[in-house]
C-alpha atoms as a PDB file:
ATOM      1  CA  MET A   1     -10.484 -12.756  26.403  1.00  0.00           C
ATOM      2  CA  SER A   2      -7.920 -15.193  25.108  1.00  0.00           C
ATOM      3  CA  GLU A   3      -8.223 -17.269  28.226  1.00  0.00           C
ATOM      4  CA  LEU A   4     -11.940 -17.747  27.321  1.00  0.00           C
ATOM      5  CA  GLY A   5     -11.137 -18.760  23.756  1.00  0.00           C
ATOM      6  CA  PHE A   6     -11.549 -15.334  22.204  1.00  0.00           C
ATOM      7  CA  GLY A   7      -7.902 -14.621  21.416  1.00  0.00           C
ATOM      8  CA  ASP A   8      -8.886 -12.489  18.237  1.00  0.00           C
ATOM      9  CA  ILE A   9     -10.969  -9.960  20.262  1.00  0.00           C
ATOM     10  CA  ARG A  10      -9.285  -6.774  21.316  1.00  0.00           C
ATOM     11  CA  SER A  11     -10.513  -4.097  23.845  1.00  0.00           C
ATOM     12  CA  ALA A  12     -11.629  -1.875  20.914  1.00  0.00           C
ATOM     13  CA  HIS A  13     -13.910  -4.637  19.744  1.00  0.00           C
ATOM     14  CA  GLY A  14     -15.369  -4.974  23.232  1.00  0.00           C
ATOM     15  CA  LEU A  15     -16.263  -1.293  23.307  1.00  0.00           C
ATOM     16  CA  MET A  16     -18.024  -1.732  20.017  1.00  0.00           C
ATOM     17  CA  PHE A  17     -20.086  -4.653  21.177  1.00  0.00           C
ATOM     18  CA  LYS A  18     -21.409  -2.496  23.988  1.00  0.00           C
ATOM     19  CA  PHE A  19     -23.331  -0.321  21.385  1.00  0.00           C
ATOM     20  CA  ILE A  20     -24.769  -3.133  19.387  1.00  0.00           C
ATOM     21  CA  THR A  21     -28.216  -3.763  20.635  1.00  0.00           C
ATOM     22  CA  PRO A  22     -30.563  -6.768  19.687  1.00  0.00           C
ATOM     23  CA  ASP A  23     -32.204  -4.467  17.197  1.00  0.00           C
ATOM     24  CA  GLY A  24     -28.688  -3.694  15.619  1.00  0.00           C
ATOM     25  CA  ALA A  25     -26.825  -0.560  15.374  1.00  0.00           C
ATOM     26  CA  ALA A  26     -25.741   1.665  12.465  1.00  0.00           C
ATOM     27  CA  GLY A  27     -22.022   2.210  11.959  1.00  0.00           C
ATOM     28  CA  ILE A  28     -22.539   6.001  12.190  1.00  0.00           C
ATOM     29  CA  GLU A  29     -24.046   5.492  15.653  1.00  0.00           C
ATOM     30  CA  ILE A  30     -21.250   3.348  16.877  1.00  0.00           C
ATOM     31  CA  ALA A  31     -18.756   5.906  15.426  1.00  0.00           C
ATOM     32  CA  GLU A  32     -20.348   8.745  17.323  1.00  0.00           C
ATOM     33  CA  HIS A  33     -20.525   6.896  20.564  1.00  0.00           C
ATOM     34  CA  LEU A  34     -16.772   5.848  20.371  1.00  0.00           C
ATOM     35  CA  TRP A  35     -15.548   9.249  18.821  1.00  0.00           C
ATOM     36  CA  ILE A  36     -13.965   7.371  15.876  1.00  0.00           C
ATOM     37  CA  THR A  37     -14.471   7.704  12.094  1.00  0.00           C
ATOM     38  CA  LYS A  38     -17.064   5.769  10.204  1.00  0.00           C
ATOM     39  CA  GLN A  39     -14.165   4.295   8.213  1.00  0.00           C
ATOM     40  CA  ALA A  40     -12.636   2.880  11.449  1.00  0.00           C
ATOM     41  CA  VAL A  41     -15.934   1.401  12.401  1.00  0.00           C
ATOM     42  CA  SER A  42     -16.171  -0.139   8.917  1.00  0.00           C
ATOM     43  CA  LYS A  43     -12.752  -1.727   9.301  1.00  0.00           C
ATOM     44  CA  ILE A  44     -13.605  -3.250  12.563  1.00  0.00           C
ATOM     45  CA  VAL A  45     -16.898  -4.541  11.342  1.00  0.00           C
ATOM     46  CA  ASP A  46     -15.168  -6.161   8.452  1.00  0.00           C
ATOM     47  CA  TYR A  47     -12.707  -7.985  10.839  1.00  0.00           C
ATOM     48  CA  LEU A  48     -15.546  -9.045  13.164  1.00  0.00           C
ATOM     49  CA  GLU A  49     -17.718 -10.155  10.346  1.00  0.00           C
ATOM     50  CA  LYS A  50     -14.902 -12.315   8.865  1.00  0.00           C
ATOM     51  CA  SER A  51     -14.460 -13.855  12.309  1.00  0.00           C
ATOM     52  CA  ALA A  52     -18.277 -14.485  12.603  1.00  0.00           C
ATOM     53  CA  TYR A  53     -18.850 -12.255  15.615  1.00  0.00           C
ATOM     54  CA  VAL A  54     -21.231  -9.752  13.871  1.00  0.00           C
ATOM     55  CA  ILE A  55     -23.165  -9.570  10.646  1.00  0.00           C
ATOM     56  CA  GLU A  56     -23.905  -6.469   8.616  1.00  0.00           C
ATOM     57  CA  LEU A  57     -27.152  -6.363   6.745  1.00  0.00           C
ATOM     58  CA  HIS A  58     -27.986  -3.735   4.155  1.00  0.00           C
ATOM     59  CA  PRO A  59     -31.783  -3.200   4.089  1.00  0.00           C
ATOM     60  CA  VAL A  60     -32.952  -1.901   0.683  1.00  0.00           C
ATOM     61  CA  ASN A  61     -34.616   1.156   2.177  1.00  0.00           C
ATOM     62  CA  LEU A  62     -31.450   2.366   4.058  1.00  0.00           C
ATOM     63  CA  ILE A  63     -28.139   3.854   2.715  1.00  0.00           C
ATOM     64  CA  TYR A  64     -26.165   2.333   5.570  1.00  0.00           C
ATOM     65  CA  GLY A  65     -25.760  -1.113   7.056  1.00  0.00           C
ATOM     66  CA  ILE A  66     -27.126  -2.357  10.268  1.00  0.00           C
ATOM     67  CA  ILE A  67     -24.733  -4.276  12.393  1.00  0.00           C
ATOM     68  CA  PHE A  68     -25.990  -7.233  14.548  1.00  0.00           C
END
């Protein structure tokens, strides 16, 4: 990915992108698909959000965020 200008993306990030649909995905859904903890997903989302690859919205009627 670094050859394409995405040097800050790792293989774990790519796996996560696979499960984010145009309608978004809940962190718990990604965690279940990747067999990792919700905390690990949260850490990756924080990193990707700071790098402007994803955004996490927290709708009022949900207790969890939706990742786009």
